[in-house]
Protein backbone atom coordinates (compact mmCIF):
# COMPACT_ATOMS: atom_id res chain seq x y z
CA UNK A 1 37.41 -36.50 -62.92
CA UNK A 2 41.05 -37.23 -63.59
CA UNK A 3 41.83 -40.42 -65.49
CA UNK A 4 45.34 -41.80 -65.82
CA UNK A 5 46.23 -44.96 -67.74
CA UNK A 6 49.77 -46.29 -67.74
CA UNK A 7 51.56 -49.50 -68.56
CA UNK A 8 54.40 -51.48 -67.04
CA UNK A 9 56.27 -53.61 -69.56
CA UNK A 10 53.46 -53.00 -72.03
CA UNK A 11 52.71 -50.26 -74.51
CA UNK A 12 49.30 -48.71 -73.93
CA UNK A 13 47.72 -48.75 -77.37
CA UNK A 14 44.82 -46.59 -78.49
CA UNK A 15 42.56 -49.68 -78.44
CA UNK A 16 43.38 -50.38 -74.76
CA UNK A 17 42.87 -46.72 -73.88
CA UNK A 18 39.51 -46.56 -75.64
CA UNK A 19 38.37 -49.81 -73.92
CA UNK A 20 39.19 -48.34 -70.49
CA UNK A 21 37.57 -44.98 -71.30
CA UNK A 22 34.42 -46.75 -72.49
CA UNK A 23 34.16 -48.48 -69.10
CA UNK A 24 34.48 -45.16 -67.23
CA UNK A 25 30.85 -44.39 -67.97
CA UNK A 26 29.71 -47.17 -65.62
CA UNK A 27 31.57 -45.57 -62.72
CA UNK A 28 30.44 -42.01 -63.38
CA UNK A 29 26.80 -43.12 -63.57
CA UNK A 30 27.04 -44.53 -60.03
CA UNK A 31 28.74 -41.56 -58.40
CA UNK A 32 29.45 -38.09 -59.72
CA UNK A 33 31.84 -37.28 -56.85
CA UNK A 34 34.71 -39.39 -58.22
CA UNK A 35 37.94 -37.44 -57.90
CA UNK A 36 40.36 -39.60 -59.90
CA UNK A 37 41.01 -43.04 -61.35
CA UNK A 38 44.45 -44.46 -61.95
CA UNK A 39 44.77 -47.67 -63.96
CA UNK A 40 48.07 -49.55 -64.39
CA UNK A 41 48.30 -52.31 -66.98
CA UNK A 42 51.14 -54.82 -66.69
CA UNK A 43 52.31 -58.08 -68.18
CA UNK A 44 54.00 -60.81 -66.16
CA UNK A 45 54.89 -63.82 -68.31
CA UNK A 46 51.49 -65.11 -69.48
CA UNK A 47 49.37 -63.12 -67.03
CA UNK A 48 47.81 -59.82 -68.08
CA UNK A 49 47.16 -57.69 -65.00
CA UNK A 50 45.12 -54.52 -64.51
CA UNK A 51 45.19 -52.55 -61.25
CA UNK A 52 42.98 -49.61 -60.47
CA UNK A 53 42.81 -47.04 -57.69
CA UNK A 54 39.62 -45.03 -57.49
CA UNK A 55 39.52 -41.93 -55.28
CA UNK A 56 36.05 -40.89 -54.21
CA UNK A 57 35.18 -38.02 -51.90
CA UNK A 58 36.11 -39.46 -48.51
CA UNK A 59 37.54 -42.84 -49.54
CA UNK A 60 39.96 -44.71 -51.80
CA UNK A 61 39.01 -47.98 -53.50
CA UNK A 62 41.52 -50.39 -55.03
CA UNK A 63 41.04 -53.46 -57.21
CA UNK A 64 43.18 -55.87 -59.23
CA UNK A 65 42.30 -58.28 -62.00
CA UNK A 66 44.50 -60.88 -63.68
CA UNK A 67 43.41 -62.71 -66.82
CA UNK A 68 44.98 -64.28 -69.91
CA UNK A 69 43.72 -61.40 -72.07
CA UNK A 70 44.28 -57.70 -71.33
CA UNK A 71 40.79 -56.73 -72.47
CA UNK A 72 39.29 -59.32 -70.10
CA UNK A 73 41.49 -57.92 -67.31
CA UNK A 74 40.20 -54.41 -67.93
CA UNK A 75 36.59 -55.66 -67.94
CA UNK A 76 37.10 -57.60 -64.69
CA UNK A 77 38.83 -54.62 -63.06
CA UNK A 78 35.95 -52.29 -63.82
CA UNK A 79 33.43 -54.90 -62.65
CA UNK A 80 35.23 -55.06 -59.29
CA UNK A 81 35.46 -51.28 -59.00
CA UNK A 82 31.75 -50.90 -59.79
CA UNK A 83 30.89 -53.47 -57.09
CA UNK A 84 33.09 -51.71 -54.53
CA UNK A 85 31.68 -48.30 -55.40
CA UNK A 86 28.12 -49.63 -55.17
CA UNK A 87 28.81 -51.14 -51.72
CA UNK A 88 30.45 -47.91 -50.56
CA UNK A 89 27.44 -45.87 -51.69
CA UNK A 90 25.04 -48.28 -49.93
CA UNK A 91 27.04 -47.95 -46.71
CA UNK A 92 26.75 -44.17 -46.89
CA UNK A 93 23.01 -44.33 -47.50
CA UNK A 94 22.47 -46.90 -44.72
CA UNK A 95 24.49 -44.84 -42.26
CA UNK A 96 22.49 -41.71 -42.91
CA UNK A 97 19.17 -43.54 -42.75
CA UNK A 98 20.16 -45.06 -39.41
CA UNK A 99 20.97 -41.61 -38.04
CA UNK A 100 17.62 -40.26 -39.25
CA UNK A 101 15.77 -43.16 -37.57
CA UNK A 102 17.62 -42.55 -34.29
CA UNK A 103 16.76 -38.84 -34.36
CA UNK A 104 13.08 -39.59 -35.04
CA UNK A 105 13.02 -42.25 -32.34
CA UNK A 106 14.66 -40.20 -29.57
CA UNK A 107 13.87 -36.70 -30.77
């Protein structure tokens, strides 16, 4: 999996990078077919914003989080991405189960 972390109007410190990399484990446990994750950290006056784009085999997920603290923004961003990835995986499983039921019913 490719991981890219960049900052707009903020220097990406080693502490911010290690916080984001520590959260990656939650995503990779859910799905091993993740292609890439791009995270952009930015500061706008008093708001600390984190945006993430997650590319999975067959889909792209995007989330944003804005908090007063950059670490809280990173945590909220990964929480949102985990929720989206979980819903996406459930949709895939439900779709395939529905197809199997239809085949059994009519086949």
